[in-house]
C-alpha atoms as a PDB file:
ATOM      1  CA  MET A   1       6.628  10.392  10.835  1.00  0.00           C
ATOM      2  CA  VAL A   2       3.881  11.656   8.438  1.00  0.00           C
ATOM      3  CA  GLU A   3       0.344  12.338   9.538  1.00  0.00           C
ATOM      4  CA  GLY A   4       1.000  10.506  12.797  1.00  0.00           C
ATOM      5  CA  ILE A   5       2.322   7.391  11.077  1.00  0.00           C
ATOM      6  CA  THR A   6       5.933   6.359  11.709  1.00  0.00           C
ATOM      7  CA  PHE A   7       7.773   4.844   8.676  1.00  0.00           C
ATOM      8  CA  ASP A   8      10.863   2.768   8.470  1.00  0.00           C
ATOM      9  CA  SER A   9      12.619   5.194   6.083  1.00  0.00           C
ATOM     10  CA  GLN A  10      12.400   8.614   4.625  1.00  0.00           C
ATOM     11  CA  HIS A  11      11.828   6.977   1.233  1.00  0.00           C
ATOM     12  CA  GLU A  12       8.737   5.144   2.484  1.00  0.00           C
ATOM     13  CA  ALA A  13       7.418   8.339   4.145  1.00  0.00           C
ATOM     14  CA  ASN A  14       7.884  10.164   0.856  1.00  0.00           C
ATOM     15  CA  GLY A  15       6.048   7.463  -0.988  1.00  0.00           C
ATOM     16  CA  TYR A  16       3.146   7.702   1.457  1.00  0.00           C
ATOM     17  CA  GLY A  17       2.993  11.425   0.909  1.00  0.00           C
ATOM     18  CA  GLU A  18       2.844  10.936  -2.899  1.00  0.00           C
ATOM     19  CA  LEU A  19       0.096   8.290  -2.444  1.00  0.00           C
ATOM     20  CA  MET A  20      -1.864  10.621  -0.260  1.00  0.00           C
ATOM     21  CA  ILE A  21      -1.939  13.271  -3.032  1.00  0.00           C
ATOM     22  CA  LEU A  22      -3.208  10.625  -5.532  1.00  0.00           C
ATOM     23  CA  HIS A  23      -5.845   9.660  -2.896  1.00  0.00           C
ATOM     24  CA  ARG A  24      -6.981  13.253  -2.294  1.00  0.00           C
ATOM     25  CA  VAL A  25      -7.488  13.828  -5.999  1.00  0.00           C
ATOM     26  CA  GLY A  26      -9.393  10.563  -6.434  1.00  0.00           C
ATOM     27  CA  LEU A  27      -6.955   8.518  -8.475  1.00  0.00           C
ATOM     28  CA  ILE A  28      -6.479   5.868  -5.733  1.00  0.00           C
ATOM     29  CA  ARG A  29      -8.755   4.614  -2.948  1.00  0.00           C
ATOM     30  CA  LEU A  30      -8.634   2.238   0.034  1.00  0.00           C
ATOM     31  CA  LEU A  31      -4.942   3.092   0.808  1.00  0.00           C
ATOM     32  CA  GLN A  32      -3.566   0.694   3.496  1.00  0.00           C
ATOM     33  CA  CYS A  33      -0.090   0.608   5.050  1.00  0.00           C
ATOM     34  CA  GLN A  34       1.893  -2.425   6.137  1.00  0.00           C
ATOM     35  CA  VAL A  35      -0.337  -5.154   4.858  1.00  0.00           C
ATOM     36  CA  PRO A  36       0.777  -8.699   5.750  1.00  0.00           C
ATOM     37  CA  TYR A  37       0.503 -11.617   3.329  1.00  0.00           C
ATOM     38  CA  ALA A  38       1.258 -15.290   3.900  1.00  0.00           C
ATOM     39  CA  LEU A  39       2.878 -16.956   0.829  1.00  0.00           C
ATOM     40  CA  VAL A  40       1.657 -20.566   0.797  1.00  0.00           C
ATOM     41  CA  VAL A  41       2.656 -23.245  -1.651  1.00  0.00           C
ATOM     42  CA  LYS A  42       0.880 -26.626  -1.464  1.00  0.00           C
ATOM     43  CA  GLU A  43      -0.499 -25.758   1.970  1.00  0.00           C
ATOM     44  CA  VAL A  44       2.935 -24.982   3.329  1.00  0.00           C
ATOM     45  CA  LEU A  45       3.846 -21.465   4.482  1.00  0.00           C
ATOM     46  CA  VAL A  46       7.084 -20.583   2.647  1.00  0.00           C
ATOM     47  CA  ALA A  47       7.364 -16.922   3.539  1.00  0.00           C
ATOM     48  CA  LYS A  48       5.708 -13.934   5.025  1.00  0.00           C
ATOM     49  CA  TYR A  49       5.628 -10.630   3.145  1.00  0.00           C
ATOM     50  CA  VAL A  50       4.543  -7.175   4.373  1.00  0.00           C
ATOM     51  CA  ALA A  51       3.539  -4.737   1.586  1.00  0.00           C
ATOM     52  CA  ASP A  52       4.388  -1.170   2.315  1.00  0.00           C
ATOM     53  CA  PHE A  53       1.225   0.013   0.619  1.00  0.00           C
ATOM     54  CA  VAL A  54      -1.879  -1.552  -0.930  1.00  0.00           C
ATOM     55  CA  PHE A  55      -4.576   0.429  -2.773  1.00  0.00           C
ATOM     56  CA  ASP A  56      -7.036   0.352  -5.688  1.00  0.00           C
ATOM     57  CA  LYS A  57      -6.258   2.674  -8.591  1.00  0.00           C
ATOM     58  CA  LEU A  58      -8.439   4.183 -11.238  1.00  0.00           C
ATOM     59  CA  VAL A  59      -7.523   2.859 -14.699  1.00  0.00           C
ATOM     60  CA  ARG A  60      -9.486   3.957 -17.734  1.00  0.00           C
ATOM     61  CA  GLY A  61     -12.559   4.683 -15.616  1.00  0.00           C
ATOM     62  CA  GLU A  62     -12.450   1.380 -13.604  1.00  0.00           C
ATOM     63  CA  TRP A  63     -11.071   0.568 -10.182  1.00  0.00           C
ATOM     64  CA  VAL A  64      -8.296  -2.024 -10.225  1.00  0.00           C
ATOM     65  CA  GLY A  65      -6.973  -3.544  -7.016  1.00  0.00           C
END
């Protein structure tokens, strides 16, 4: 558990800690955890995916998502 969030593994919790450092210094923004995505091909759901983390990052002065 980190900052009140329970993670599936210590590795994932450590990754969150590293991302929070980048967030605090302004290199990433809009950090979200456990974001679900539906993978659809030709209007058929073929899989569901849950991203551990989603965020925008600052690259050469521009935000990239």
